Amino acid sequence: MTLRIFLLTSSTALFVGFPTMARAACLTDQEIEARIGDQVRSGTFALNTASLTGRPLCSGLTLAQRIQQMHDAAFPQEQAQRDQLAAQARDRDVLAQQAAARERAAAAAQSVVPAMARPAGGRGSDTAPRAQPAMRPLVVTTAALGISLDTLLDRVVHADSSSWMSNRYIAGSMHNARYISTNKAHTSYLAYGEYSFQGFGGGSGWVKVRVTGGNLDCLEFWDQAGTCRPLYRSLSQQMLVAGAVGMMSDGGGASSSSRNRIDDPLDDQRRNQNSPPPPPPPPPVTPIGGDRGLYGSDHSCC
């Protein structure tokens, strides 16, 4: 019984003393400095660390990490060069991401340009209304595209100007862009910008762009103030569609149909059915004395 207690007590003492022994066995920074400090400061390519292997560092670092710290302290200019190269690599990554975002935005804008196709069979007037493709939602935020608000509005108006007929937008002329109202993330906002154009009354104009949840809602231009319309639905495009619809209405086709109509006998019958009925014929008049006269057919007057 006493032997068991002694063994337990001895093992307990050994357990308690083990951390102290472990701390004494780790490598301190002073010991590492004393053994390889001169090698590190000499700039030699290969270091002799045979006397330091097999023991952990008291700092918790690896031996390679500690040697790198010593090298950086001895040669600070190399550390500055590495930091500069790392910063340049990060800048290149950011520029590459921004360029990719601009390419995606340009491709998305091109994909919604309306197809100016003739009607089936190759016939029909060139002024016939053309089908507008369904617009895909575009993420139009400065953060997503990595561009300024001036550039964002410039791209939106440049894409919309493909539906203009009288005026021509001057690409890159957007300026004085600002948010009229916006949330913190600039994903839902009303933005304003000024631009230049060529054409009738050429000069400058303004545009307001409304975006909700990163998707383009509508645009309001200076020549349609108070009307916020979808992309590619310019005033000239609306007038073109309205004129084409008017030509296809009943009034627009009446003269053409009357000139080309072939007379049909049934048309007279259909028109007569819609006319009021004629009056009844007068009743027959019976002579005095009946149908055979006053004295009858057997008598003569003289």
C-alpha atoms as a PDB file:
ATOM      1  CA  MET A   1       0.000   0.000   0.000  1.00  0.00           C
ATOM      2  CA  THR A   2       2.808   2.396   0.841  1.00  0.00           C
ATOM      3  CA  LEU A   3       4.554   1.505  -2.391  1.00  0.00           C
ATOM      4  CA  ARG A   4       1.530   2.471  -4.444  1.00  0.00           C
ATOM      5  CA  ILE A   5       1.259   5.820  -2.747  1.00  0.00           C
ATOM      6  CA  PHE A   6       4.948   6.440  -3.342  1.00  0.00           C
ATOM      7  CA  LEU A   7       4.638   5.637  -7.008  1.00  0.00           C
ATOM      8  CA  LEU A   8       1.599   7.900  -7.355  1.00  0.00           C
ATOM      9  CA  THR A   9       3.373  10.686  -5.551  1.00  0.00           C
ATOM     10  CA  SER A  10       6.481  10.255  -7.669  1.00  0.00           C
ATOM     11  CA  SER A  11       4.492  10.284 -10.905  1.00  0.00           C
ATOM     12  CA  THR A  12       2.656  13.366  -9.749  1.00  0.00           C
ATOM     13  CA  ALA A  13       5.894  15.153  -9.014  1.00  0.00           C
ATOM     14  CA  LEU A  14       7.234  14.171 -12.383  1.00  0.00           C
ATOM     15  CA  PHE A  15       4.094  15.492 -14.088  1.00  0.00           C
ATOM     16  CA  VAL A  16       4.291  18.791 -12.271  1.00  0.00           C
ATOM     17  CA  GLY A  17       7.958  19.216 -13.083  1.00  0.00           C
ATOM     18  CA  PHE A  18       7.602  18.383 -16.806  1.00  0.00           C
ATOM     19  CA  PRO A  19       6.416  21.876 -17.988  1.00  0.00           C
ATOM     20  CA  THR A  20       9.416  23.485 -16.321  1.00  0.00           C
ATOM     21  CA  MET A  21      11.707  21.086 -18.109  1.00  0.00           C
ATOM     22  CA  ALA A  22       9.901  21.780 -21.432  1.00  0.00           C
ATOM     23  CA  ARG A  23      10.295  25.516 -21.045  1.00  0.00           C
ATOM     24  CA  ALA A  24      13.993  25.106 -20.390  1.00  0.00           C
ATOM     25  CA  ALA A  25      14.367  22.975 -23.530  1.00  0.00           C
ATOM     26  CA  CYS A  26      12.864  25.517 -26.015  1.00  0.00           C
ATOM     27  CA  LEU A  27      15.024  27.867 -28.054  1.00  0.00           C
ATOM     28  CA  THR A  28      15.058  31.481 -26.947  1.00  0.00           C
ATOM     29  CA  ASP A  29      15.636  34.395 -29.297  1.00  0.00           C
ATOM     30  CA  GLN A  30      18.909  35.130 -27.508  1.00  0.00           C
ATOM     31  CA  GLU A  31      20.216  31.634 -28.128  1.00  0.00           C
ATOM     32  CA  ILE A  32      19.237  31.781 -31.817  1.00  0.00           C
ATOM     33  CA  GLU A  33      20.931  35.167 -32.127  1.00  0.00           C
ATOM     34  CA  ALA A  34      24.111  33.879 -30.535  1.00  0.00           C
ATOM     35  CA  ARG A  35      24.368  30.857 -32.835  1.00  0.00           C
ATOM     36  CA  ILE A  36      23.315  32.158 -36.279  1.00  0.00           C
ATOM     37  CA  GLY A  37      23.007  35.951 -35.925  1.00  0.00           C
ATOM     38  CA  ASP A  38      26.320  36.636 -37.644  1.00  0.00           C
ATOM     39  CA  GLN A  39      25.409  34.290 -40.510  1.00  0.00           C
ATOM     40  CA  VAL A  40      22.115  36.072 -41.089  1.00  0.00           C
ATOM     41  CA  ARG A  41      23.692  39.545 -41.059  1.00  0.00           C
ATOM     42  CA  SER A  42      26.423  38.448 -43.456  1.00  0.00           C
ATOM     43  CA  GLY A  43      23.784  37.831 -46.126  1.00  0.00           C
ATOM     44  CA  THR A  44      24.988  34.308 -46.846  1.00  0.00           C
ATOM     45  CA  PHE A  45      22.690  32.195 -48.996  1.00  0.00           C
ATOM     46  CA  ALA A  46      22.898  29.011 -46.823  1.00  0.00           C
ATOM     47  CA  LEU A  47      22.717  28.978 -43.025  1.00  0.00           C
ATOM     48  CA  ASN A  48      24.074  26.255 -40.738  1.00  0.00           C
ATOM     49  CA  THR A  49      21.191  25.528 -38.329  1.00  0.00           C
ATOM     50  CA  ALA A  50      22.268  22.003 -37.291  1.00  0.00           C
ATOM     51  CA  SER A  51      22.644  23.046 -33.658  1.00  0.00           C
ATOM     52  CA  LEU A  52      19.080  24.450 -33.558  1.00  0.00           C
ATOM     53  CA  THR A  53      17.077  21.560 -35.005  1.00  0.00           C
ATOM     54  CA  GLY A  54      14.848  19.323 -32.932  1.00  0.00           C
ATOM     55  CA  ARG A  55      13.864  21.994 -30.416  1.00  0.00           C
ATOM     56  CA  PRO A  56      10.777  24.251 -30.518  1.00  0.00           C
ATOM     57  CA  LEU A  57      11.051  28.008 -30.263  1.00  0.00           C
ATOM     58  CA  CYS A  58       9.862  29.639 -27.069  1.00  0.00           C
ATOM     59  CA  SER A  59       8.127  32.360 -29.132  1.00  0.00           C
ATOM     60  CA  GLY A  60       5.883  29.818 -30.842  1.00  0.00           C
ATOM     61  CA  LEU A  61       7.238  30.646 -34.307  1.00  0.00           C
ATOM     62  CA  THR A  62       8.964  28.243 -36.623  1.00  0.00           C
ATOM     63  CA  LEU A  63      12.709  28.525 -37.066  1.00  0.00           C
ATOM     64  CA  ALA A  64      12.251  29.727 -40.644  1.00  0.00           C
ATOM     65  CA  GLN A  65       9.890  32.498 -39.505  1.00  0.00           C
ATOM     66  CA  ARG A  66      12.363  33.684 -36.866  1.00  0.00           C
ATOM     67  CA  ILE A  67      15.241  33.681 -39.362  1.00  0.00           C
ATOM     68  CA  GLN A  68      13.106  35.776 -41.744  1.00  0.00           C
ATOM     69  CA  GLN A  69      12.469  38.289 -38.963  1.00  0.00           C
ATOM     70  CA  MET A  70      16.209  38.530 -38.298  1.00  0.00           C
ATOM     71  CA  HIS A  71      16.918  38.958 -42.022  1.00  0.00           C
ATOM     72  CA  ASP A  72      14.304  41.739 -42.362  1.00  0.00           C
ATOM     73  CA  ALA A  73      15.808  43.575 -39.403  1.00  0.00           C
ATOM     74  CA  ALA A  74      19.273  43.310 -40.936  1.00  0.00           C
ATOM     75  CA  PHE A  75      18.173  44.287 -44.470  1.00  0.00           C
ATOM     76  CA  PRO A  76      15.116  46.619 -44.194  1.00  0.00           C
ATOM     77  CA  GLN A  77      15.400  47.720 -47.831  1.00  0.00           C
ATOM     78  CA  GLU A  78      14.573  44.201 -49.005  1.00  0.00           C
ATOM     79  CA  GLN A  79      11.451  44.167 -46.856  1.00  0.00           C
ATOM     80  CA  ALA A  80      10.376  47.488 -48.379  1.00  0.00           C
ATOM     81  CA  GLN A  81      10.890  46.087 -51.875  1.00  0.00           C
ATOM     82  CA  ARG A  82       8.805  43.023 -51.072  1.00  0.00           C
ATOM     83  CA  ASP A  83       6.034  45.201 -49.672  1.00  0.00           C
ATOM     84  CA  GLN A  84       6.115  47.364 -52.813  1.00  0.00           C
ATOM     85  CA  LEU A  85       5.930  44.339 -55.102  1.00  0.00           C
ATOM     86  CA  ALA A  86       3.026  42.923 -53.097  1.00  0.00           C
ATOM     87  CA  ALA A  87       1.174  46.256 -53.339  1.00  0.00           C
ATOM     88  CA  GLN A  88       1.754  46.378 -57.095  1.00  0.00           C
ATOM     89  CA  ALA A  89       0.399  42.843 -57.452  1.00  0.00           C
ATOM     90  CA  ARG A  90      -2.734  43.822 -55.518  1.00  0.00           C
ATOM     91  CA  ASP A  91      -3.200  46.893 -57.723  1.00  0.00           C
ATOM     92  CA  ARG A  92      -2.911  44.751 -60.850  1.00  0.00           C
ATOM     93  CA  ASP A  93      -5.562  42.388 -59.509  1.00  0.00           C
ATOM     94  CA  VAL A  94      -7.922  45.304 -58.812  1.00  0.00           C
ATOM     95  CA  LEU A  95      -7.379  46.774 -62.291  1.00  0.00           C
ATOM     96  CA  ALA A  96      -7.976  43.382 -63.894  1.00  0.00           C
ATOM     97  CA  GLN A  97     -11.238  42.973 -61.971  1.00  0.00           C
ATOM     98  CA  GLN A  98     -12.373  46.469 -62.991  1.00  0.00           C
ATOM     99  CA  ALA A  99     -11.533  45.804 -66.647  1.00  0.00           C
ATOM    100  CA  ALA A 100     -13.463  42.534 -66.544  1.00  0.00           C
ATOM    101  CA  ALA A 101     -16.452  44.328 -64.981  1.00  0.00           C
ATOM    102  CA  ARG A 102     -16.360  46.999 -67.720  1.00  0.00           C
ATOM    103  CA  GLU A 103     -16.239  44.328 -70.427  1.00  0.00           C
ATOM    104  CA  ARG A 104     -19.225  42.535 -68.889  1.00  0.00           C
ATOM    105  CA  ALA A 105     -21.178  45.814 -68.710  1.00  0.00           C
ATOM    106  CA  ALA A 106     -20.342  46.660 -72.342  1.00  0.00           C
ATOM    107  CA  ALA A 107     -21.336  43.176 -73.497  1.00  0.00           C
ATOM    108  CA  ALA A 108     -24.606  43.400 -71.575  1.00  0.00           C
ATOM    109  CA  ALA A 109     -25.377  46.802 -73.113  1.00  0.00           C
ATOM    110  CA  GLN A 110     -24.679  45.489 -76.614  1.00  0.00           C
ATOM    111  CA  SER A 111     -26.870  42.440 -76.058  1.00  0.00           C
ATOM    112  CA  VAL A 112     -29.981  44.582 -75.547  1.00  0.00           C
ATOM    113  CA  VAL A 113     -29.554  46.780 -78.646  1.00  0.00           C
ATOM    114  CA  PRO A 114     -32.807  46.294 -80.634  1.00  0.00           C
ATOM    115  CA  ALA A 115     -32.587  44.210 -83.776  1.00  0.00           C
ATOM    116  CA  MET A 116     -33.624  46.279 -86.793  1.00  0.00           C
ATOM    117  CA  ALA A 117     -35.111  43.457 -88.867  1.00  0.00           C
ATOM    118  CA  ARG A 118     -37.638  43.554 -91.727  1.00  0.00           C
ATOM    119  CA  PRO A 119     -40.967  41.707 -91.488  1.00  0.00           C
ATOM    120  CA  ALA A 120     -41.109  38.088 -92.573  1.00  0.00           C
ATOM    121  CA  GLY A 121     -41.019  37.608 -96.366  1.00  0.00           C
ATOM    122  CA  GLY A 122     -38.927  40.741 -97.002  1.00  0.00           C
ATOM    123  CA  ARG A 123     -41.974  42.967 -97.715  1.00  0.00           C
ATOM    124  CA  GLY A 124     -43.421  45.910 -95.926  1.00  0.00           C
ATOM    125  CA  SER A 125     -42.469  49.490 -95.268  1.00  0.00           C
ATOM    126  CA  ASP A 126     -39.112  50.418 -93.757  1.00  0.00           C
ATOM    127  CA  THR A 127     -40.992  52.553 -91.246  1.00  0.00           C
ATOM    128  CA  ALA A 128     -42.833  49.581 -89.745  1.00  0.00           C
ATOM    129  CA  PRO A 129     -42.376  49.263 -85.945  1.00  0.00           C
ATOM    130  CA  ARG A 130     -39.506  47.035 -84.987  1.00  0.00           C
ATOM    131  CA  ALA A 131     -39.656  44.550 -82.150  1.00  0.00           C
ATOM    132  CA  GLN A 132     -37.840  45.533 -78.983  1.00  0.00           C
ATOM    133  CA  PRO A 133     -36.054  42.681 -77.176  1.00  0.00           C
ATOM    134  CA  ALA A 134     -36.684  42.112 -73.502  1.00  0.00           C
ATOM    135  CA  MET A 135     -34.047  43.946 -71.514  1.00  0.00           C
ATOM    136  CA  ARG A 136     -32.001  41.855 -69.131  1.00  0.00           C
ATOM    137  CA  PRO A 137     -31.496  43.312 -65.660  1.00  0.00           C
ATOM    138  CA  LEU A 138     -28.175  45.173 -65.556  1.00  0.00           C
ATOM    139  CA  VAL A 139     -26.271  45.784 -62.374  1.00  0.00           C
ATOM    140  CA  VAL A 140     -25.687  49.530 -62.687  1.00  0.00           C
ATOM    141  CA  THR A 141     -23.814  50.513 -59.553  1.00  0.00           C
ATOM    142  CA  THR A 142     -20.442  52.217 -59.326  1.00  0.00           C
ATOM    143  CA  ALA A 143     -19.188  49.623 -56.839  1.00  0.00           C
ATOM    144  CA  ALA A 144     -20.089  46.621 -59.014  1.00  0.00           C
ATOM    145  CA  LEU A 145     -18.585  48.136 -62.168  1.00  0.00           C
ATOM    146  CA  GLY A 146     -15.650  49.873 -60.500  1.00  0.00           C
ATOM    147  CA  ILE A 147     -16.307  53.172 -62.310  1.00  0.00           C
ATOM    148  CA  SER A 148     -17.322  56.713 -61.433  1.00  0.00           C
ATOM    149  CA  LEU A 149     -20.895  57.977 -61.564  1.00  0.00           C
ATOM    150  CA  ASP A 150     -20.037  60.141 -64.608  1.00  0.00           C
ATOM    151  CA  THR A 151     -18.810  57.066 -66.504  1.00  0.00           C
ATOM    152  CA  LEU A 152     -21.804  54.977 -65.436  1.00  0.00           C
ATOM    153  CA  LEU A 153     -24.347  57.541 -66.687  1.00  0.00           C
ATOM    154  CA  ASP A 154     -22.296  58.028 -69.856  1.00  0.00           C
ATOM    155  CA  ARG A 155     -22.577  54.307 -70.684  1.00  0.00           C
ATOM    156  CA  VAL A 156     -26.295  54.176 -69.953  1.00  0.00           C
ATOM    157  CA  VAL A 157     -27.103  57.202 -72.154  1.00  0.00           C
ATOM    158  CA  HIS A 158     -24.730  56.005 -74.887  1.00  0.00           C
ATOM    159  CA  ALA A 159     -26.592  52.677 -75.017  1.00  0.00           C
ATOM    160  CA  ASP A 160     -29.995  54.412 -75.040  1.00  0.00           C
ATOM    161  CA  SER A 161     -28.917  56.772 -77.856  1.00  0.00           C
ATOM    162  CA  SER A 162     -29.004  53.838 -80.294  1.00  0.00           C
ATOM    163  CA  SER A 163     -32.796  54.415 -80.366  1.00  0.00           C
ATOM    164  CA  TRP A 164     -32.440  58.180 -81.064  1.00  0.00           C
ATOM    165  CA  MET A 165     -33.225  59.374 -84.597  1.00  0.00           C
ATOM    166  CA  SER A 166     -32.850  63.163 -84.649  1.00  0.00           C
ATOM    167  CA  ASN A 167     -29.938  63.663 -82.265  1.00  0.00           C
ATOM    168  CA  ARG A 168     -26.597  61.963 -81.714  1.00  0.00           C
ATOM    169  CA  TYR A 169     -25.074  61.576 -78.266  1.00  0.00           C
ATOM    170  CA  ILE A 170     -21.460  62.702 -77.853  1.00  0.00           C
ATOM    171  CA  ALA A 171     -19.831  59.784 -76.052  1.00  0.00           C
ATOM    172  CA  GLY A 172     -17.801  60.766 -73.012  1.00  0.00           C
ATOM    173  CA  SER A 173     -19.517  64.144 -72.596  1.00  0.00           C
ATOM    174  CA  MET A 174     -21.331  63.235 -69.356  1.00  0.00           C
ATOM    175  CA  HIS A 175     -20.371  65.543 -66.497  1.00  0.00           C
ATOM    176  CA  ASN A 176     -21.658  67.070 -63.232  1.00  0.00           C
ATOM    177  CA  ALA A 177     -23.096  63.668 -62.241  1.00  0.00           C
ATOM    178  CA  ARG A 178     -24.468  63.464 -58.715  1.00  0.00           C
ATOM    179  CA  TYR A 179     -26.895  61.491 -56.596  1.00  0.00           C
ATOM    180  CA  ILE A 180     -30.227  63.183 -55.969  1.00  0.00           C
ATOM    181  CA  SER A 181     -31.240  60.425 -53.534  1.00  0.00           C
ATOM    182  CA  THR A 182     -29.601  57.109 -52.678  1.00  0.00           C
ATOM    183  CA  ASN A 183     -29.165  54.443 -50.029  1.00  0.00           C
ATOM    184  CA  LYS A 184     -25.836  53.813 -48.302  1.00  0.00           C
ATOM    185  CA  ALA A 185     -24.713  51.099 -50.733  1.00  0.00           C
ATOM    186  CA  HIS A 186     -25.744  53.150 -53.832  1.00  0.00           C
ATOM    187  CA  THR A 187     -27.790  50.188 -55.102  1.00  0.00           C
ATOM    188  CA  SER A 188     -31.094  52.106 -55.154  1.00  0.00           C
ATOM    189  CA  TYR A 189     -30.772  55.715 -56.223  1.00  0.00           C
ATOM    190  CA  LEU A 190     -31.851  58.595 -58.450  1.00  0.00           C
ATOM    191  CA  ALA A 191     -28.857  60.139 -60.243  1.00  0.00           C
ATOM    192  CA  TYR A 192     -28.523  63.287 -62.359  1.00  0.00           C
ATOM    193  CA  GLY A 193     -26.020  64.162 -65.084  1.00  0.00           C
ATOM    194  CA  GLU A 194     -25.477  66.629 -67.935  1.00  0.00           C
ATOM    195  CA  TYR A 195     -24.286  65.756 -71.448  1.00  0.00           C
ATOM    196  CA  SER A 196     -23.766  67.128 -74.970  1.00  0.00           C
ATOM    197  CA  PHE A 197     -25.356  66.029 -78.233  1.00  0.00           C
ATOM    198  CA  GLN A 198     -25.471  66.870 -81.947  1.00  0.00           C
ATOM    199  CA  GLY A 199     -28.582  67.336 -84.065  1.00  0.00           C
ATOM    200  CA  PHE A 200     -31.643  69.593 -84.061  1.00  0.00           C
ATOM    201  CA  GLY A 201     -31.110  72.214 -81.421  1.00  0.00           C
ATOM    202  CA  GLY A 202     -27.770  70.573 -80.620  1.00  0.00           C
ATOM    203  CA  GLY A 203     -26.137  71.604 -77.410  1.00  0.00           C
ATOM    204  CA  SER A 204     -26.493  70.236 -73.926  1.00  0.00           C
ATOM    205  CA  GLY A 205     -29.165  68.355 -72.023  1.00  0.00           C
ATOM    206  CA  TRP A 206     -29.652  66.512 -68.778  1.00  0.00           C
ATOM    207  CA  VAL A 207     -30.792  63.054 -67.741  1.00  0.00           C
ATOM    208  CA  LYS A 208     -32.048  61.436 -64.562  1.00  0.00           C
ATOM    209  CA  VAL A 209     -31.491  57.708 -64.058  1.00  0.00           C
ATOM    210  CA  ARG A 210     -33.514  55.696 -61.552  1.00  0.00           C
ATOM    211  CA  VAL A 211     -32.035  52.409 -60.253  1.00  0.00           C
ATOM    212  CA  THR A 212     -33.671  50.018 -57.790  1.00  0.00           C
ATOM    213  CA  GLY A 213     -31.782  47.118 -56.263  1.00  0.00           C
ATOM    214  CA  GLY A 214     -28.977  47.542 -58.788  1.00  0.00           C
ATOM    215  CA  ASN A 215     -31.364  47.219 -61.750  1.00  0.00           C
ATOM    216  CA  LEU A 216     -32.109  50.046 -64.168  1.00  0.00           C
ATOM    217  CA  ASP A 217     -35.728  51.205 -63.869  1.00  0.00           C
ATOM    218  CA  CYS A 218     -36.100  54.165 -66.198  1.00  0.00           C
ATOM    219  CA  LEU A 219     -34.593  57.362 -67.605  1.00  0.00           C
ATOM    220  CA  GLU A 220     -35.959  60.929 -67.650  1.00  0.00           C
ATOM    221  CA  PHE A 221     -34.537  63.321 -70.268  1.00  0.00           C
ATOM    222  CA  TRP A 222     -34.691  67.100 -70.486  1.00  0.00           C
ATOM    223  CA  ASP A 223     -36.963  67.014 -73.562  1.00  0.00           C
ATOM    224  CA  GLN A 224     -39.456  64.723 -71.763  1.00  0.00           C
ATOM    225  CA  ALA A 225     -39.307  66.226 -68.298  1.00  0.00           C
ATOM    226  CA  GLY A 226     -41.677  64.498 -65.909  1.00  0.00           C
ATOM    227  CA  THR A 227     -41.693  61.219 -67.881  1.00  0.00           C
ATOM    228  CA  CYS A 228     -39.427  58.387 -66.737  1.00  0.00           C
ATOM    229  CA  ARG A 229     -39.301  55.854 -69.572  1.00  0.00           C
ATOM    230  CA  PRO A 230     -37.572  52.477 -70.061  1.00  0.00           C
ATOM    231  CA  LEU A 231     -34.254  52.100 -71.833  1.00  0.00           C
ATOM    232  CA  TYR A 232     -34.406  52.275 -75.672  1.00  0.00           C
ATOM    233  CA  ARG A 233     -37.883  53.948 -75.644  1.00  0.00           C
ATOM    234  CA  SER A 234     -36.854  57.387 -76.846  1.00  0.00           C
ATOM    235  CA  LEU A 235     -39.353  60.052 -77.930  1.00  0.00           C
ATOM    236  CA  SER A 236     -38.517  59.528 -81.610  1.00  0.00           C
ATOM    237  CA  GLN A 237     -38.962  55.780 -81.217  1.00  0.00           C
ATOM    238  CA  GLN A 238     -42.379  56.303 -79.609  1.00  0.00           C
ATOM    239  CA  MET A 239     -43.451  58.635 -82.427  1.00  0.00           C
ATOM    240  CA  LEU A 240     -42.330  56.082 -85.004  1.00  0.00           C
ATOM    241  CA  VAL A 241     -44.381  53.342 -83.404  1.00  0.00           C
ATOM    242  CA  ALA A 242     -47.421  55.624 -83.038  1.00  0.00           C
ATOM    243  CA  GLY A 243     -47.230  56.611 -86.717  1.00  0.00           C
ATOM    244  CA  ALA A 244     -46.960  53.001 -87.844  1.00  0.00           C
ATOM    245  CA  VAL A 245     -49.957  52.032 -85.720  1.00  0.00           C
ATOM    246  CA  GLY A 246     -51.969  54.929 -87.176  1.00  0.00           C
ATOM    247  CA  MET A 247     -51.236  53.741 -90.713  1.00  0.00           C
ATOM    248  CA  MET A 248     -52.560  50.315 -89.847  1.00  0.00           C
ATOM    249  CA  SER A 249     -55.820  51.648 -88.329  1.00  0.00           C
ATOM    250  CA  ASP A 250     -59.206  51.636 -90.124  1.00  0.00           C
ATOM    251  CA  GLY A 251     -58.995  55.278 -91.114  1.00  0.00           C
ATOM    252  CA  GLY A 252     -55.566  54.871 -92.655  1.00  0.00           C
ATOM    253  CA  GLY A 253     -56.619  51.959 -94.858  1.00  0.00           C
ATOM    254  CA  ALA A 254     -60.041  53.171 -96.027  1.00  0.00           C
ATOM    255  CA  SER A 255     -58.919  55.036 -99.138  1.00  0.00           C
ATOM    256  CA  SER A 256     -56.666  52.202-100.227  1.00  0.00           C
ATOM    257  CA  SER A 257     -59.393  49.603 -99.816  1.00  0.00           C
ATOM    258  CA  SER A 258     -61.925  51.727-101.714  1.00  0.00           C
ATOM    259  CA  ARG A 259     -59.568  52.160-104.648  1.00  0.00           C
ATOM    260  CA  ASN A 260     -58.728  48.489-104.847  1.00  0.00           C
ATOM    261  CA  ARG A 261     -62.241  47.136-104.106  1.00  0.00           C
ATOM    262  CA  ILE A 262     -63.891  44.970-106.791  1.00  0.00           C
ATOM    263  CA  ASP A 263     -67.669  45.511-107.103  1.00  0.00           C
ATOM    264  CA  ASP A 264     -69.599  42.576-105.731  1.00  0.00           C
ATOM    265  CA  PRO A 265     -73.368  42.127-106.404  1.00  0.00           C
ATOM    266  CA  LEU A 266     -73.796  40.895-102.878  1.00  0.00           C
ATOM    267  CA  ASP A 267     -72.636  44.276-101.585  1.00  0.00           C
ATOM    268  CA  ASP A 268     -75.803  45.932-102.966  1.00  0.00           C
ATOM    269  CA  GLN A 269     -77.927  43.275-101.327  1.00  0.00           C
ATOM    270  CA  ARG A 270     -76.152  43.826 -97.965  1.00  0.00           C
ATOM    271  CA  ARG A 271     -76.653  47.583 -98.230  1.00  0.00           C
ATOM    272  CA  ASN A 272     -80.354  47.132 -99.161  1.00  0.00           C
ATOM    273  CA  GLN A 273     -80.870  44.947 -96.109  1.00  0.00           C
ATOM    274  CA  ASN A 274     -79.781  47.841 -93.955  1.00  0.00           C
ATOM    275  CA  SER A 275     -82.143  50.325 -95.727  1.00  0.00           C
ATOM    276  CA  PRO A 276     -85.733  50.958 -94.516  1.00  0.00           C
ATOM    277  CA  PRO A 277     -88.443  48.885 -96.345  1.00  0.00           C
ATOM    278  CA  PRO A 278     -90.294  50.585 -99.231  1.00  0.00           C
ATOM    279  CA  PRO A 279     -93.926  51.806 -98.673  1.00  0.00           C
ATOM    280  CA  PRO A 280     -96.751  49.321 -99.585  1.00  0.00           C
ATOM    281  CA  PRO A 281     -98.402  49.725-103.055  1.00  0.00           C
ATOM    282  CA  PRO A 282    -101.699  51.664-103.187  1.00  0.00           C
ATOM    283  CA  PRO A 283    -104.896  49.548-103.099  1.00  0.00           C
ATOM    284  CA  PRO A 284    -106.641  48.909-106.490  1.00  0.00           C
ATOM    285  CA  VAL A 285    -109.445  51.353-107.438  1.00  0.00           C
ATOM    286  CA  THR A 286    -112.794  49.714-108.372  1.00  0.00           C
ATOM    287  CA  PRO A 287    -114.791  51.693-110.986  1.00  0.00           C
ATOM    288  CA  ILE A 288    -118.365  52.806-110.235  1.00  0.00           C
ATOM    289  CA  GLY A 289    -120.722  50.015-111.057  1.00  0.00           C
ATOM    290  CA  GLY A 290    -118.058  47.327-110.675  1.00  0.00           C
ATOM    291  CA  ASP A 291    -115.457  45.974-113.000  1.00  0.00           C
ATOM    292  CA  ARG A 292    -118.051  45.842-115.909  1.00  0.00           C
ATOM    293  CA  GLY A 293    -118.948  49.478-115.700  1.00  0.00           C
ATOM    294  CA  LEU A 294    -122.066  51.406-114.649  1.00  0.00           C
ATOM    295  CA  TYR A 295    -124.467  49.644-117.069  1.00  0.00           C
ATOM    296  CA  GLY A 296    -122.645  46.426-117.518  1.00  0.00           C
ATOM    297  CA  SER A 297    -120.838  45.166-120.559  1.00  0.00           C
ATOM    298  CA  ASP A 298    -124.106  44.224-122.426  1.00  0.00           C
ATOM    299  CA  HIS A 299    -125.390  47.814-122.721  1.00  0.00           C
ATOM    300  CA  SER A 300    -124.255  50.471-125.033  1.00  0.00           C
ATOM    301  CA  CYS A 301    -124.532  54.128-124.429  1.00  0.00           C
ATOM    302  CA  CYS A 302    -126.169  55.143-127.795  1.00  0.00           C
END
